Amino acid sequence: MVTTAPDSEVARALATRIVEERLAACANVVPGVTSIYWWEGTVQQEGEVMVVFKTTAERLDALRDRVLELHPYEVPEVIAFPVAEGSKDYVSWVAREVGSA
């Protein structure tokens, strides 16, 4: 699952909380994202920080709900992508860490 945050401090705090709560096995905090989007009738441009969470399909709803609960944005980006394939060891590790194994 992917979300964006307004700055590195918010992104790291969100990522840490989610991993501590075992809703994701890992979170990558990726600074330097420029988002261009429609908001309140005009095109906006802001610097943001992307957070990529690694979880399982079984934990996705709980992860989404918790990100929405903790996120400071009025309408945060919360998008999930299915994993078509991955290393067996890595996928198994993710499942173990979030309690889906």
N, C-alpha and C. Protein backbone atom coordinates (compact mmCIF):
# COMPACT_ATOMS: atom_id res chain seq x y z
N MET A 1 0.84 -1.17 0.00
CA MET A 1 0.00 0.00 0.00
C MET A 1 0.89 1.24 0.00
N VAL A 2 0.42 2.30 -0.63
CA VAL A 2 1.17 3.54 -0.76
C VAL A 2 0.35 4.70 -0.20
N THR A 3 1.05 5.61 0.47
CA THR A 3 0.46 6.88 0.88
C THR A 3 1.53 7.95 0.74
N THR A 4 1.12 9.20 0.85
CA THR A 4 2.07 10.30 0.88
C THR A 4 1.84 11.08 2.16
N ALA A 5 2.87 11.80 2.58
CA ALA A 5 2.80 12.61 3.79
C ALA A 5 3.38 13.99 3.48
N PRO A 6 3.06 14.98 4.30
CA PRO A 6 3.52 16.33 4.02
C PRO A 6 5.02 16.54 4.22
N ASP A 7 5.65 15.72 5.07
CA ASP A 7 7.09 15.89 5.31
C ASP A 7 7.66 14.59 5.89
N SER A 8 8.99 14.55 6.02
CA SER A 8 9.67 13.35 6.49
C SER A 8 9.31 12.99 7.92
N GLU A 9 9.13 13.98 8.76
CA GLU A 9 8.78 13.71 10.16
C GLU A 9 7.45 12.98 10.27
N VAL A 10 6.45 13.46 9.57
CA VAL A 10 5.13 12.82 9.58
C VAL A 10 5.22 11.44 8.95
N ALA A 11 5.94 11.32 7.84
CA ALA A 11 6.07 10.03 7.16
C ALA A 11 6.75 9.00 8.05
N ARG A 12 7.85 9.38 8.71
CA ARG A 12 8.56 8.45 9.59
C ARG A 12 7.71 8.05 10.79
N ALA A 13 6.99 9.01 11.37
CA ALA A 13 6.13 8.70 12.51
C ALA A 13 5.02 7.73 12.11
N LEU A 14 4.41 7.96 10.96
CA LEU A 14 3.35 7.08 10.46
C LEU A 14 3.91 5.69 10.18
N ALA A 15 5.04 5.63 9.48
CA ALA A 15 5.66 4.35 9.15
C ALA A 15 6.04 3.57 10.41
N THR A 16 6.63 4.25 11.37
CA THR A 16 7.04 3.59 12.61
C THR A 16 5.83 3.03 13.36
N ARG A 17 4.80 3.82 13.48
CA ARG A 17 3.60 3.38 14.21
C ARG A 17 2.98 2.16 13.54
N ILE A 18 2.86 2.19 12.23
CA ILE A 18 2.24 1.09 11.49
C ILE A 18 3.06 -0.19 11.63
N VAL A 19 4.37 -0.09 11.53
CA VAL A 19 5.23 -1.28 11.67
C VAL A 19 5.19 -1.78 13.12
N GLU A 20 5.24 -0.88 14.09
CA GLU A 20 5.15 -1.29 15.50
C GLU A 20 3.84 -2.02 15.79
N GLU A 21 2.77 -1.60 15.14
CA GLU A 21 1.47 -2.23 15.34
C GLU A 21 1.30 -3.51 14.51
N ARG A 22 2.34 -3.90 13.78
CA ARG A 22 2.38 -5.12 12.99
C ARG A 22 1.34 -5.15 11.86
N LEU A 23 0.96 -3.98 11.40
CA LEU A 23 0.07 -3.91 10.25
C LEU A 23 0.84 -3.97 8.94
N ALA A 24 2.13 -3.71 9.02
CA ALA A 24 3.04 -3.85 7.88
C ALA A 24 4.36 -4.41 8.41
N ALA A 25 5.01 -5.22 7.61
CA ALA A 25 6.30 -5.78 8.00
C ALA A 25 7.41 -4.76 7.76
N CYS A 26 7.18 -3.85 6.84
CA CYS A 26 8.21 -2.90 6.43
C CYS A 26 7.52 -1.68 5.85
N ALA A 27 8.17 -0.53 6.00
CA ALA A 27 7.69 0.69 5.35
C ALA A 27 8.90 1.43 4.80
N ASN A 28 8.86 1.78 3.53
CA ASN A 28 9.91 2.57 2.90
C ASN A 28 9.46 4.02 2.87
N VAL A 29 10.28 4.91 3.40
CA VAL A 29 10.01 6.34 3.39
C VAL A 29 10.85 6.95 2.28
N VAL A 30 10.19 7.51 1.27
CA VAL A 30 10.85 7.98 0.07
C VAL A 30 10.65 9.49 -0.05
N PRO A 31 11.68 10.28 0.31
CA PRO A 31 11.55 11.73 0.22
C PRO A 31 11.68 12.22 -1.21
N GLY A 32 11.37 13.50 -1.41
CA GLY A 32 11.61 14.14 -2.70
C GLY A 32 10.54 13.92 -3.74
N VAL A 33 9.32 13.61 -3.33
CA VAL A 33 8.22 13.41 -4.27
C VAL A 33 7.54 14.75 -4.53
N THR A 34 7.27 15.06 -5.78
CA THR A 34 6.49 16.25 -6.12
C THR A 34 5.12 15.77 -6.59
N SER A 35 4.09 16.22 -5.91
CA SER A 35 2.73 15.84 -6.29
C SER A 35 2.03 17.03 -6.94
N ILE A 36 1.41 16.78 -8.07
CA ILE A 36 0.63 17.78 -8.80
C ILE A 36 -0.78 17.22 -8.89
N TYR A 37 -1.76 17.98 -8.39
CA TYR A 37 -3.10 17.42 -8.24
C TYR A 37 -4.15 18.53 -8.20
N TRP A 38 -5.38 18.13 -8.50
CA TRP A 38 -6.52 19.03 -8.36
C TRP A 38 -6.96 19.05 -6.91
N TRP A 39 -7.18 20.24 -6.35
CA TRP A 39 -7.73 20.34 -5.00
C TRP A 39 -8.48 21.67 -4.89
N GLU A 40 -9.73 21.58 -4.51
CA GLU A 40 -10.58 22.75 -4.33
C GLU A 40 -10.59 23.66 -5.56
N GLY A 41 -10.70 23.02 -6.73
CA GLY A 41 -10.90 23.75 -7.97
C GLY A 41 -9.67 24.27 -8.66
N THR A 42 -8.49 24.03 -8.11
CA THR A 42 -7.27 24.49 -8.77
C THR A 42 -6.20 23.41 -8.73
N VAL A 43 -5.26 23.53 -9.64
CA VAL A 43 -4.14 22.60 -9.67
C VAL A 43 -3.13 23.04 -8.61
N GLN A 44 -2.75 22.11 -7.76
CA GLN A 44 -1.80 22.34 -6.68
C GLN A 44 -0.49 21.62 -6.99
N GLN A 45 0.59 22.09 -6.42
CA GLN A 45 1.88 21.40 -6.52
C GLN A 45 2.55 21.49 -5.17
N GLU A 46 2.89 20.34 -4.61
CA GLU A 46 3.49 20.28 -3.27
C GLU A 46 4.60 19.24 -3.24
N GLY A 47 5.59 19.48 -2.43
CA GLY A 47 6.58 18.47 -2.12
C GLY A 47 5.99 17.54 -1.06
N GLU A 48 6.18 16.26 -1.23
CA GLU A 48 5.66 15.28 -0.29
C GLU A 48 6.69 14.18 -0.09
N VAL A 49 6.37 13.29 0.83
CA VAL A 49 7.19 12.11 1.10
C VAL A 49 6.29 10.90 0.92
N MET A 50 6.72 9.96 0.10
CA MET A 50 5.95 8.74 -0.15
C MET A 50 6.30 7.69 0.90
N VAL A 51 5.30 6.94 1.32
CA VAL A 51 5.52 5.81 2.21
C VAL A 51 4.93 4.57 1.54
N VAL A 52 5.77 3.55 1.39
CA VAL A 52 5.35 2.29 0.78
C VAL A 52 5.35 1.23 1.88
N PHE A 53 4.18 0.67 2.16
CA PHE A 53 4.01 -0.35 3.20
C PHE A 53 3.95 -1.73 2.58
N LYS A 54 4.61 -2.70 3.23
CA LYS A 54 4.55 -4.09 2.79
C LYS A 54 3.70 -4.86 3.79
N THR A 55 2.60 -5.43 3.30
CA THR A 55 1.70 -6.19 4.15
C THR A 55 1.09 -7.32 3.33
N THR A 56 0.11 -7.99 3.90
CA THR A 56 -0.58 -9.08 3.20
C THR A 56 -2.01 -8.65 2.87
N ALA A 57 -2.63 -9.39 1.98
CA ALA A 57 -4.03 -9.11 1.63
C ALA A 57 -4.92 -9.20 2.87
N GLU A 58 -4.60 -10.12 3.77
CA GLU A 58 -5.41 -10.31 4.98
C GLU A 58 -5.32 -9.10 5.92
N ARG A 59 -4.23 -8.38 5.91
CA ARG A 59 -4.03 -7.24 6.81
C ARG A 59 -4.32 -5.89 6.14
N LEU A 60 -4.63 -5.92 4.85
CA LEU A 60 -4.78 -4.68 4.09
C LEU A 60 -5.88 -3.77 4.63
N ASP A 61 -7.05 -4.31 4.93
CA ASP A 61 -8.14 -3.47 5.44
C ASP A 61 -7.77 -2.79 6.74
N ALA A 62 -7.16 -3.54 7.65
CA ALA A 62 -6.74 -2.96 8.93
C ALA A 62 -5.67 -1.88 8.72
N LEU A 63 -4.74 -2.14 7.81
CA LEU A 63 -3.70 -1.15 7.50
C LEU A 63 -4.32 0.12 6.93
N ARG A 64 -5.19 -0.03 5.96
CA ARG A 64 -5.86 1.13 5.35
C ARG A 64 -6.60 1.94 6.40
N ASP A 65 -7.39 1.26 7.23
CA ASP A 65 -8.18 1.96 8.24
C ASP A 65 -7.29 2.72 9.22
N ARG A 66 -6.17 2.12 9.62
CA ARG A 66 -5.28 2.77 10.58
C ARG A 66 -4.56 3.95 9.96
N VAL A 67 -4.13 3.83 8.71
CA VAL A 67 -3.50 4.96 8.02
C VAL A 67 -4.49 6.12 7.92
N LEU A 68 -5.72 5.83 7.55
CA LEU A 68 -6.74 6.88 7.46
C LEU A 68 -6.99 7.53 8.82
N GLU A 69 -6.93 6.75 9.87
CA GLU A 69 -7.15 7.26 11.22
C GLU A 69 -6.00 8.18 11.67
N LEU A 70 -4.77 7.81 11.35
CA LEU A 70 -3.59 8.54 11.82
C LEU A 70 -3.17 9.70 10.92
N HIS A 71 -3.58 9.68 9.67
CA HIS A 71 -3.06 10.61 8.66
C HIS A 71 -3.56 12.04 8.89
N PRO A 72 -2.69 13.04 8.71
CA PRO A 72 -3.11 14.42 8.92
C PRO A 72 -3.91 15.03 7.76
N TYR A 73 -3.87 14.44 6.57
CA TYR A 73 -4.58 15.02 5.43
C TYR A 73 -6.08 14.79 5.55
N GLU A 74 -6.85 15.70 4.98
CA GLU A 74 -8.30 15.56 4.91
C GLU A 74 -8.68 14.36 4.04
N VAL A 75 -7.98 14.21 2.90
CA VAL A 75 -8.22 13.11 1.98
C VAL A 75 -6.87 12.50 1.61
N PRO A 76 -6.34 11.61 2.47
CA PRO A 76 -5.02 11.05 2.17
C PRO A 76 -5.07 10.04 1.02
N GLU A 77 -3.97 9.99 0.31
CA GLU A 77 -3.80 8.95 -0.71
C GLU A 77 -3.60 7.63 0.01
N VAL A 78 -4.41 6.66 -0.32
CA VAL A 78 -4.25 5.30 0.19
C VAL A 78 -4.57 4.38 -0.97
N ILE A 79 -3.52 3.83 -1.58
CA ILE A 79 -3.68 3.00 -2.77
C ILE A 79 -2.93 1.69 -2.56
N ALA A 80 -3.58 0.60 -2.89
CA ALA A 80 -2.95 -0.72 -2.76
C ALA A 80 -2.76 -1.33 -4.14
N PHE A 81 -1.64 -2.01 -4.29
CA PHE A 81 -1.32 -2.72 -5.52
C PHE A 81 -1.12 -4.18 -5.19
N PRO A 82 -1.70 -5.08 -5.97
CA PRO A 82 -1.45 -6.51 -5.71
C PRO A 82 -0.02 -6.88 -6.10
N VAL A 83 0.54 -7.81 -5.37
CA VAL A 83 1.87 -8.33 -5.68
C VAL A 83 1.68 -9.50 -6.64
N ALA A 84 2.15 -9.34 -7.87
CA ALA A 84 2.02 -10.40 -8.86
C ALA A 84 2.97 -11.55 -8.56
N GLU A 85 4.15 -11.19 -8.07
CA GLU A 85 5.15 -12.21 -7.77
C GLU A 85 6.21 -11.57 -6.89
N GLY A 86 6.86 -12.40 -6.11
CA GLY A 86 7.94 -11.92 -5.26
C GLY A 86 8.79 -13.09 -4.81
N SER A 87 9.92 -12.78 -4.24
CA SER A 87 10.77 -13.85 -3.72
C SER A 87 10.02 -14.58 -2.61
N LYS A 88 10.05 -15.89 -2.65
CA LYS A 88 9.32 -16.70 -1.68
C LYS A 88 9.74 -16.36 -0.25
N ASP A 89 11.03 -16.19 -0.04
CA ASP A 89 11.51 -15.87 1.30
C ASP A 89 11.00 -14.52 1.78
N TYR A 90 10.99 -13.52 0.90
CA TYR A 90 10.53 -12.19 1.30
C TYR A 90 9.03 -12.19 1.59
N VAL A 91 8.25 -12.79 0.72
CA VAL A 91 6.80 -12.84 0.90
C VAL A 91 6.47 -13.60 2.18
N SER A 92 7.18 -14.66 2.47
CA SER A 92 6.97 -15.42 3.71
C SER A 92 7.33 -14.58 4.93
N TRP A 93 8.42 -13.83 4.83
CA TRP A 93 8.82 -12.95 5.93
C TRP A 93 7.75 -11.92 6.23
N VAL A 94 7.22 -11.27 5.19
CA VAL A 94 6.16 -10.28 5.38
C VAL A 94 4.97 -10.93 6.10
N ALA A 95 4.55 -12.08 5.63
CA ALA A 95 3.41 -12.77 6.25
C ALA A 95 3.68 -13.10 7.72
N ARG A 96 4.87 -13.56 8.03
CA ARG A 96 5.22 -13.86 9.43
C ARG A 96 5.16 -12.62 10.30
N GLU A 97 5.71 -11.53 9.80
CA GLU A 97 5.81 -10.31 10.61
C GLU A 97 4.48 -9.65 10.89
N VAL A 98 3.51 -9.84 10.02
CA VAL A 98 2.18 -9.24 10.25
C VAL A 98 1.18 -10.27 10.79
N GLY A 99 1.68 -11.46 11.07
CA GLY A 99 0.82 -12.48 11.68
C GLY A 99 -0.12 -13.17 10.72
N SER A 100 0.23 -13.20 9.44
CA SER A 100 -0.62 -13.86 8.45
C SER A 100 -0.07 -15.21 8.01
N ALA A 101 1.02 -15.65 8.63
CA ALA A 101 1.64 -16.92 8.20
C ALA A 101 0.99 -18.09 8.91
